[in-house]
Amino acid sequence: MSTRLHPPARETARHTAQNATREAGFDAAVVAAALDDALAGQARIHAICGLQGSGKSTLARQLAELARTRGLRAAVLSIDD
């Protein structure tokens, strides 16, 4: 997937201000593209890694919700606990 999940630091303040009223999380187009990429590879398990507070759980939740709306079974598992 070529879409960047997080904007460069200099864009963060502007991006945050513009999306203050939007529900917290990743842009719906980014989530849809990530799910489409996952499905294109016929994969069964996907791992999301990143620094603490980078949005891993948020992205996983959004991907699972979108997958369910498409009639797929999805589970989010934390391996850090």
PDB file of N, CA and C in Angstrom:
ATOM      1  N   MET A   1       0.845  -1.166   0.000  1.00  0.00           N
ATOM      2  CA  MET A   1       0.000   0.000   0.000  1.00  0.00           C
ATOM      3  C   MET A   1       0.890   1.228   0.000  1.00  0.00           C
ATOM      4  N   SER A   2       0.632   2.130  -0.869  1.00  0.00           N
ATOM      5  CA  SER A   2       1.491   3.299  -0.989  1.00  0.00           C
ATOM      6  C   SER A   2       0.998   4.502  -0.188  1.00  0.00           C
ATOM      7  N   THR A   3      -0.206   4.455   0.323  1.00  0.00           N
ATOM      8  CA  THR A   3      -0.750   5.584   1.057  1.00  0.00           C
ATOM      9  C   THR A   3      -0.073   5.707   2.417  1.00  0.00           C
ATOM     10  N   ARG A   4       0.389   6.915   2.748  1.00  0.00           N
ATOM     11  CA  ARG A   4       0.979   7.150   4.069  1.00  0.00           C
ATOM     12  C   ARG A   4      -0.125   7.182   5.105  1.00  0.00           C
ATOM     13  N   LEU A   5       0.106   6.524   6.233  1.00  0.00           N
ATOM     14  CA  LEU A   5      -0.896   6.519   7.284  1.00  0.00           C
ATOM     15  C   LEU A   5      -0.841   7.776   8.131  1.00  0.00           C
ATOM     16  N   HIS A   6       0.344   8.321   8.333  1.00  0.00           N
ATOM     17  CA  HIS A   6       0.489   9.514   9.151  1.00  0.00           C
ATOM     18  C   HIS A   6       1.160  10.616   8.347  1.00  0.00           C
ATOM     19  N   PRO A   7       0.675  11.849   8.456  1.00  0.00           N
ATOM     20  CA  PRO A   7       1.310  12.959   7.749  1.00  0.00           C
ATOM     21  C   PRO A   7       2.623  13.334   8.428  1.00  0.00           C
ATOM     22  N   PRO A   8       3.514  14.001   7.716  1.00  0.00           N
ATOM     23  CA  PRO A   8       4.739  14.504   8.353  1.00  0.00           C
ATOM     24  C   PRO A   8       4.363  15.424   9.514  1.00  0.00           C
ATOM     25  N   ALA A   9       5.253  15.551  10.477  1.00  0.00           N
ATOM     26  CA  ALA A   9       4.981  16.324  11.695  1.00  0.00           C
ATOM     27  C   ALA A   9       4.514  17.739  11.395  1.00  0.00           C
ATOM     28  N   ARG A  10       5.075  18.396  10.370  1.00  0.00           N
ATOM     29  CA  ARG A  10       4.697  19.784  10.075  1.00  0.00           C
ATOM     30  C   ARG A  10       3.253  19.902   9.609  1.00  0.00           C
ATOM     31  N   GLU A  11       2.677  18.796   9.106  1.00  0.00           N
ATOM     32  CA  GLU A  11       1.297  18.831   8.652  1.00  0.00           C
ATOM     33  C   GLU A  11       0.316  18.436   9.745  1.00  0.00           C
ATOM     34  N   THR A  12       0.808  17.886  10.835  1.00  0.00           N
ATOM     35  CA  THR A  12      -0.066  17.352  11.875  1.00  0.00           C
ATOM     36  C   THR A  12      -0.978  18.407  12.471  1.00  0.00           C
ATOM     37  N   ALA A  13      -0.450  19.576  12.817  1.00  0.00           N
ATOM     38  CA  ALA A  13      -1.273  20.629  13.427  1.00  0.00           C
ATOM     39  C   ALA A  13      -2.388  21.069  12.486  1.00  0.00           C
ATOM     40  N   ARG A  14      -2.040  21.289  11.215  1.00  0.00           N
ATOM     41  CA  ARG A  14      -3.050  21.710  10.235  1.00  0.00           C
ATOM     42  C   ARG A  14      -4.093  20.610  10.054  1.00  0.00           C
ATOM     43  N   HIS A  15      -3.629  19.373   9.925  1.00  0.00           N
ATOM     44  CA  HIS A  15      -4.513  18.231   9.724  1.00  0.00           C
ATOM     45  C   HIS A  15      -5.452  18.065  10.920  1.00  0.00           C
ATOM     46  N   THR A  16      -4.918  18.197  12.121  1.00  0.00           N
ATOM     47  CA  THR A  16      -5.717  18.054  13.332  1.00  0.00           C
ATOM     48  C   THR A  16      -6.781  19.140  13.400  1.00  0.00           C
ATOM     49  N   ALA A  17      -6.436  20.357  13.098  1.00  0.00           N
ATOM     50  CA  ALA A  17      -7.393  21.461  13.140  1.00  0.00           C
ATOM     51  C   ALA A  17      -8.509  21.261  12.121  1.00  0.00           C
ATOM     52  N   GLN A  18      -8.168  20.782  10.934  1.00  0.00           N
ATOM     53  CA  GLN A  18      -9.173  20.599   9.892  1.00  0.00           C
ATOM     54  C   GLN A  18     -10.132  19.472  10.219  1.00  0.00           C
ATOM     55  N   ASN A  19      -9.681  18.495  10.982  1.00  0.00           N
ATOM     56  CA  ASN A  19     -10.501  17.325  11.249  1.00  0.00           C
ATOM     57  C   ASN A  19     -10.985  17.267  12.695  1.00  0.00           C
ATOM     58  N   ALA A  20     -11.028  18.383  13.369  1.00  0.00           N
ATOM     59  CA  ALA A  20     -11.397  18.410  14.780  1.00  0.00           C
ATOM     60  C   ALA A  20     -12.803  17.877  15.011  1.00  0.00           C
ATOM     61  N   THR A  21     -13.684  18.083  14.048  1.00  0.00           N
ATOM     62  CA  THR A  21     -15.062  17.638  14.239  1.00  0.00           C
ATOM     63  C   THR A  21     -15.282  16.208  13.766  1.00  0.00           C
ATOM     64  N   ARG A  22     -14.337  15.644  13.030  1.00  0.00           N
ATOM     65  CA  ARG A  22     -14.464  14.280  12.528  1.00  0.00           C
ATOM     66  C   ARG A  22     -14.154  13.287  13.639  1.00  0.00           C
ATOM     67  N   GLU A  23     -14.782  12.124  13.603  1.00  0.00           N
ATOM     68  CA  GLU A  23     -14.511  11.082  14.590  1.00  0.00           C
ATOM     69  C   GLU A  23     -13.030  10.726  14.569  1.00  0.00           C
ATOM     70  N   ALA A  24     -12.474  10.469  15.729  1.00  0.00           N
ATOM     71  CA  ALA A  24     -11.058  10.121  15.838  1.00  0.00           C
ATOM     72  C   ALA A  24     -10.770   8.863  15.044  1.00  0.00           C
ATOM     73  N   GLY A  25      -9.626   8.832  14.424  1.00  0.00           N
ATOM     74  CA  GLY A  25      -9.213   7.659  13.672  1.00  0.00           C
ATOM     75  C   GLY A  25      -8.635   8.043  12.329  1.00  0.00           C
ATOM     76  N   PHE A  26      -8.391   7.040  11.532  1.00  0.00           N
ATOM     77  CA  PHE A  26      -7.801   7.236  10.214  1.00  0.00           C
ATOM     78  C   PHE A  26      -8.873   7.594   9.195  1.00  0.00           C
ATOM     79  N   ASP A  27      -8.469   8.260   8.138  1.00  0.00           N
ATOM     80  CA  ASP A  27      -9.358   8.614   7.051  1.00  0.00           C
ATOM     81  C   ASP A  27      -9.976   7.344   6.474  1.00  0.00           C
ATOM     82  N   ALA A  28     -11.267   7.378   6.174  1.00  0.00           N
ATOM     83  CA  ALA A  28     -11.978   6.198   5.672  1.00  0.00           C
ATOM     84  C   ALA A  28     -11.350   5.651   4.395  1.00  0.00           C
ATOM     85  N   ALA A  29     -10.843   6.514   3.540  1.00  0.00           N
ATOM     86  CA  ALA A  29     -10.216   6.053   2.292  1.00  0.00           C
ATOM     87  C   ALA A  29      -8.944   5.255   2.579  1.00  0.00           C
ATOM     88  N   VAL A  30      -8.189   5.654   3.603  1.00  0.00           N
ATOM     89  CA  VAL A  30      -6.969   4.932   3.980  1.00  0.00           C
ATOM     90  C   VAL A  30      -7.332   3.559   4.523  1.00  0.00           C
ATOM     91  N   VAL A  31      -8.364   3.501   5.355  1.00  0.00           N
ATOM     92  CA  VAL A  31      -8.795   2.228   5.926  1.00  0.00           C
ATOM     93  C   VAL A  31      -9.294   1.297   4.820  1.00  0.00           C
ATOM     94  N   ALA A  32     -10.090   1.830   3.907  1.00  0.00           N
ATOM     95  CA  ALA A  32     -10.607   1.022   2.798  1.00  0.00           C
ATOM     96  C   ALA A  32      -9.472   0.503   1.917  1.00  0.00           C
ATOM     97  N   ALA A  33      -8.489   1.339   1.646  1.00  0.00           N
ATOM     98  CA  ALA A  33      -7.350   0.913   0.825  1.00  0.00           C
ATOM     99  C   ALA A  33      -6.550  -0.179   1.519  1.00  0.00           C
ATOM    100  N   ALA A  34      -6.381  -0.067   2.831  1.00  0.00           N
ATOM    101  CA  ALA A  34      -5.652  -1.096   3.581  1.00  0.00           C
ATOM    102  C   ALA A  34      -6.396  -2.422   3.537  1.00  0.00           C
ATOM    103  N   LEU A  35      -7.720  -2.388   3.696  1.00  0.00           N
ATOM    104  CA  LEU A  35      -8.509  -3.617   3.639  1.00  0.00           C
ATOM    105  C   LEU A  35      -8.493  -4.195   2.233  1.00  0.00           C
ATOM    106  N   ASP A  36      -8.627  -3.368   1.215  1.00  0.00           N
ATOM    107  CA  ASP A  36      -8.566  -3.847  -0.167  1.00  0.00           C
ATOM    108  C   ASP A  36      -7.227  -4.522  -0.463  1.00  0.00           C
ATOM    109  N   ASP A  37      -6.139  -3.930  -0.005  1.00  0.00           N
ATOM    110  CA  ASP A  37      -4.816  -4.527  -0.189  1.00  0.00           C
ATOM    111  C   ASP A  37      -4.722  -5.871   0.510  1.00  0.00           C
ATOM    112  N   ALA A  38      -5.262  -5.946   1.723  1.00  0.00           N
ATOM    113  CA  ALA A  38      -5.226  -7.202   2.472  1.00  0.00           C
ATOM    114  C   ALA A  38      -6.011  -8.286   1.751  1.00  0.00           C
ATOM    115  N   LEU A  39      -7.176  -7.933   1.245  1.00  0.00           N
ATOM    116  CA  LEU A  39      -8.022  -8.911   0.560  1.00  0.00           C
ATOM    117  C   LEU A  39      -7.455  -9.340  -0.784  1.00  0.00           C
ATOM    118  N   ALA A  40      -6.745  -8.461  -1.454  1.00  0.00           N
ATOM    119  CA  ALA A  40      -6.179  -8.779  -2.770  1.00  0.00           C
ATOM    120  C   ALA A  40      -5.140  -9.888  -2.679  1.00  0.00           C
ATOM    121  N   GLY A  41      -4.478  -9.993  -1.550  1.00  0.00           N
ATOM    122  CA  GLY A  41      -3.448 -11.013  -1.374  1.00  0.00           C
ATOM    123  C   GLY A  41      -3.971 -12.322  -0.828  1.00  0.00           C
ATOM    124  N   GLN A  42      -5.279 -12.451  -0.647  1.00  0.00           N
ATOM    125  CA  GLN A  42      -5.881 -13.653  -0.097  1.00  0.00           C
ATOM    126  C   GLN A  42      -5.294 -14.013   1.261  1.00  0.00           C
ATOM    127  N   ALA A  43      -4.876 -13.027   2.004  1.00  0.00           N
ATOM    128  CA  ALA A  43      -4.244 -13.258   3.303  1.00  0.00           C
ATOM    129  C   ALA A  43      -5.290 -13.555   4.370  1.00  0.00           C
ATOM    130  N   ARG A  44      -4.862 -14.242   5.380  1.00  0.00           N
ATOM    131  CA  ARG A  44      -5.740 -14.586   6.491  1.00  0.00           C
ATOM    132  C   ARG A  44      -5.391 -13.821   7.764  1.00  0.00           C
ATOM    133  N   ILE A  45      -4.123 -13.498   7.948  1.00  0.00           N
ATOM    134  CA  ILE A  45      -3.675 -12.809   9.157  1.00  0.00           C
ATOM    135  C   ILE A  45      -2.837 -11.608   8.749  1.00  0.00           C
ATOM    136  N   HIS A  46      -3.087 -10.486   9.394  1.00  0.00           N
ATOM    137  CA  HIS A  46      -2.299  -9.282   9.142  1.00  0.00           C
ATOM    138  C   HIS A  46      -1.835  -8.737  10.479  1.00  0.00           C
ATOM    139  N   ALA A  47      -0.620  -8.273  10.500  1.00  0.00           N
ATOM    140  CA  ALA A  47      -0.062  -7.678  11.719  1.00  0.00           C
ATOM    141  C   ALA A  47       0.182  -6.198  11.468  1.00  0.00           C
ATOM    142  N   ILE A  48      -0.085  -5.408  12.479  1.00  0.00           N
ATOM    143  CA  ILE A  48       0.164  -3.972  12.420  1.00  0.00           C
ATOM    144  C   ILE A  48       1.170  -3.673  13.518  1.00  0.00           C
ATOM    145  N   CYS A  49       2.273  -3.058  13.143  1.00  0.00           N
ATOM    146  CA  CYS A  49       3.273  -2.738  14.156  1.00  0.00           C
ATOM    147  C   CYS A  49       3.583  -1.246  14.100  1.00  0.00           C
ATOM    148  N   GLY A  50       4.069  -0.729  15.200  1.00  0.00           N
ATOM    149  CA  GLY A  50       4.412   0.679  15.268  1.00  0.00           C
ATOM    150  C   GLY A  50       4.697   1.082  16.693  1.00  0.00           C
ATOM    151  N   LEU A  51       5.114   2.302  16.848  1.00  0.00           N
ATOM    152  CA  LEU A  51       5.438   2.831  18.166  1.00  0.00           C
ATOM    153  C   LEU A  51       4.186   2.982  19.017  1.00  0.00           C
ATOM    154  N   GLN A  52       4.381   3.037  20.317  1.00  0.00           N
ATOM    155  CA  GLN A  52       3.284   3.265  21.245  1.00  0.00           C
ATOM    156  C   GLN A  52       2.589   4.576  20.893  1.00  0.00           C
ATOM    157  N   GLY A  53       1.279   4.537  20.818  1.00  0.00           N
ATOM    158  CA  GLY A  53       0.507   5.742  20.523  1.00  0.00           C
ATOM    159  C   GLY A  53       0.436   6.111  19.054  1.00  0.00           C
ATOM    160  N   SER A  54       0.912   5.227  18.168  1.00  0.00           N
ATOM    161  CA  SER A  54       0.934   5.564  16.742  1.00  0.00           C
ATOM    162  C   SER A  54      -0.379   5.271  16.032  1.00  0.00           C
ATOM    163  N   GLY A  55      -1.332   4.619  16.705  1.00  0.00           N
ATOM    164  CA  GLY A  55      -2.635   4.374  16.094  1.00  0.00           C
ATOM    165  C   GLY A  55      -2.876   2.942  15.660  1.00  0.00           C
ATOM    166  N   LYS A  56      -2.072   2.002  16.133  1.00  0.00           N
ATOM    167  CA  LYS A  56      -2.225   0.605  15.740  1.00  0.00           C
ATOM    168  C   LYS A  56      -3.605   0.058  16.097  1.00  0.00           C
ATOM    169  N   SER A  57      -4.020   0.267  17.329  1.00  0.00           N
ATOM    170  CA  SER A  57      -5.321  -0.249  17.769  1.00  0.00           C
ATOM    171  C   SER A  57      -6.460   0.442  17.045  1.00  0.00           C
ATOM    172  N   THR A  58      -6.330   1.724  16.815  1.00  0.00           N
ATOM    173  CA  THR A  58      -7.354   2.478  16.091  1.00  0.00           C
ATOM    174  C   THR A  58      -7.500   1.952  14.675  1.00  0.00           C
ATOM    175  N   LEU A  59      -6.378   1.757  13.978  1.00  0.00           N
ATOM    176  CA  LEU A  59      -6.422   1.235  12.618  1.00  0.00           C
ATOM    177  C   LEU A  59      -7.003  -0.174  12.596  1.00  0.00           C
ATOM    178  N   ALA A  60      -6.588  -1.015  13.529  1.00  0.00           N
ATOM    179  CA  ALA A  60      -7.103  -2.390  13.583  1.00  0.00           C
ATOM    180  C   ALA A  60      -8.616  -2.393  13.798  1.00  0.00           C
ATOM    181  N   ARG A  61      -9.089  -1.537  14.716  1.00  0.00           N
ATOM    182  CA  ARG A  61     -10.530  -1.454  14.975  1.00  0.00           C
ATOM    183  C   ARG A  61     -11.285  -1.007  13.736  1.00  0.00           C
ATOM    184  N   GLN A  62     -10.763   0.020  13.063  1.00  0.00           N
ATOM    185  CA  GLN A  62     -11.436   0.534  11.866  1.00  0.00           C
ATOM    186  C   GLN A  62     -11.430  -0.506  10.741  1.00  0.00           C
ATOM    187  N   LEU A  63     -10.333  -1.218  10.566  1.00  0.00           N
ATOM    188  CA  LEU A  63     -10.273  -2.268   9.540  1.00  0.00           C
ATOM    189  C   LEU A  63     -11.290  -3.366   9.830  1.00  0.00           C
ATOM    190  N   ALA A  64     -11.369  -3.793  11.085  1.00  0.00           N
ATOM    191  CA  ALA A  64     -12.313  -4.848  11.456  1.00  0.00           C
ATOM    192  C   ALA A  64     -13.755  -4.389  11.231  1.00  0.00           C
ATOM    193  N   GLU A  65     -14.069  -3.155  11.601  1.00  0.00           N
ATOM    194  CA  GLU A  65     -15.420  -2.630  11.400  1.00  0.00           C
ATOM    195  C   GLU A  65     -15.778  -2.601   9.918  1.00  0.00           C
ATOM    196  N   LEU A  66     -14.849  -2.134   9.089  1.00  0.00           N
ATOM    197  CA  LEU A  66     -15.106  -2.073   7.651  1.00  0.00           C
ATOM    198  C   LEU A  66     -15.252  -3.475   7.073  1.00  0.00           C
ATOM    199  N   ALA A  67     -14.405  -4.398   7.504  1.00  0.00           N
ATOM    200  CA  ALA A  67     -14.501  -5.779   7.026  1.00  0.00           C
ATOM    201  C   ALA A  67     -15.874  -6.367   7.353  1.00  0.00           C
ATOM    202  N   ARG A  68     -16.361  -6.097   8.544  1.00  0.00           N
ATOM    203  CA  ARG A  68     -17.679  -6.615   8.944  1.00  0.00           C
ATOM    204  C   ARG A  68     -18.796  -6.017   8.099  1.00  0.00           C
ATOM    205  N   THR A  69     -18.680  -4.745   7.729  1.00  0.00           N
ATOM    206  CA  THR A  69     -19.708  -4.143   6.873  1.00  0.00           C
ATOM    207  C   THR A  69     -19.706  -4.764   5.491  1.00  0.00           C
ATOM    208  N   ARG A  70     -18.580  -5.366   5.111  1.00  0.00           N
ATOM    209  CA  ARG A  70     -18.483  -6.050   3.813  1.00  0.00           C
ATOM    210  C   ARG A  70     -18.838  -7.527   3.927  1.00  0.00           C
ATOM    211  N   GLY A  71     -19.340  -7.938   5.080  1.00  0.00           N
ATOM    212  CA  GLY A  71     -19.767  -9.316   5.270  1.00  0.00           C
ATOM    213  C   GLY A  71     -18.652 -10.286   5.613  1.00  0.00           C
ATOM    214  N   LEU A  72     -17.517  -9.785   6.021  1.00  0.00           N
ATOM    215  CA  LEU A  72     -16.382 -10.631   6.382  1.00  0.00           C
ATOM    216  C   LEU A  72     -16.316 -10.807   7.892  1.00  0.00           C
ATOM    217  N   ARG A  73     -15.718 -11.904   8.322  1.00  0.00           N
ATOM    218  CA  ARG A  73     -15.463 -12.106   9.754  1.00  0.00           C
ATOM    219  C   ARG A  73     -14.090 -11.529  10.049  1.00  0.00           C
ATOM    220  N   ALA A  74     -14.005 -10.752  11.105  1.00  0.00           N
ATOM    221  CA  ALA A  74     -12.731 -10.137  11.470  1.00  0.00           C
ATOM    222  C   ALA A  74     -12.599 -10.095  12.982  1.00  0.00           C
ATOM    223  N   ALA A  75     -11.376 -10.310  13.449  1.00  0.00           N
ATOM    224  CA  ALA A  75     -11.094 -10.241  14.880  1.00  0.00           C
ATOM    225  C   ALA A  75      -9.842  -9.425  15.076  1.00  0.00           C
ATOM    226  N   VAL A  76      -9.801  -8.652  16.142  1.00  0.00           N
ATOM    227  CA  VAL A  76      -8.623  -7.866  16.496  1.00  0.00           C
ATOM    228  C   VAL A  76      -8.017  -8.507  17.740  1.00  0.00           C
ATOM    229  N   LEU A  77      -6.762  -8.893  17.642  1.00  0.00           N
ATOM    230  CA  LEU A  77      -6.064  -9.526  18.754  1.00  0.00           C
ATOM    231  C   LEU A  77      -4.851  -8.701  19.123  1.00  0.00           C
ATOM    232  N   SER A  78      -4.634  -8.537  20.410  1.00  0.00           N
ATOM    233  CA  SER A  78      -3.450  -7.822  20.881  1.00  0.00           C
ATOM    234  C   SER A  78      -2.438  -8.862  21.340  1.00  0.00           C
ATOM    235  N   ILE A  79      -1.230  -8.784  20.821  1.00  0.00           N
ATOM    236  CA  ILE A  79      -0.197  -9.736  21.244  1.00  0.00           C
ATOM    237  C   ILE A  79       0.768  -9.106  22.225  1.00  0.00           C
ATOM    238  N   ASP A  80       0.506  -7.850  22.619  1.00  0.00           N
ATOM    239  CA  ASP A  80       1.364  -7.165  23.583  1.00  0.00           C
ATOM    240  C   ASP A  80       0.996  -7.501  25.014  1.00  0.00           C
ATOM    241  N   ASP A  81      -0.208  -7.970  25.234  1.00  0.00           N
ATOM    242  CA  ASP A  81      -0.692  -8.205  26.598  1.00  0.00           C
ATOM    243  C   ASP A  81      -0.257  -9.546  27.126  1.00  0.00           C
TER     244      ASP A  81
END
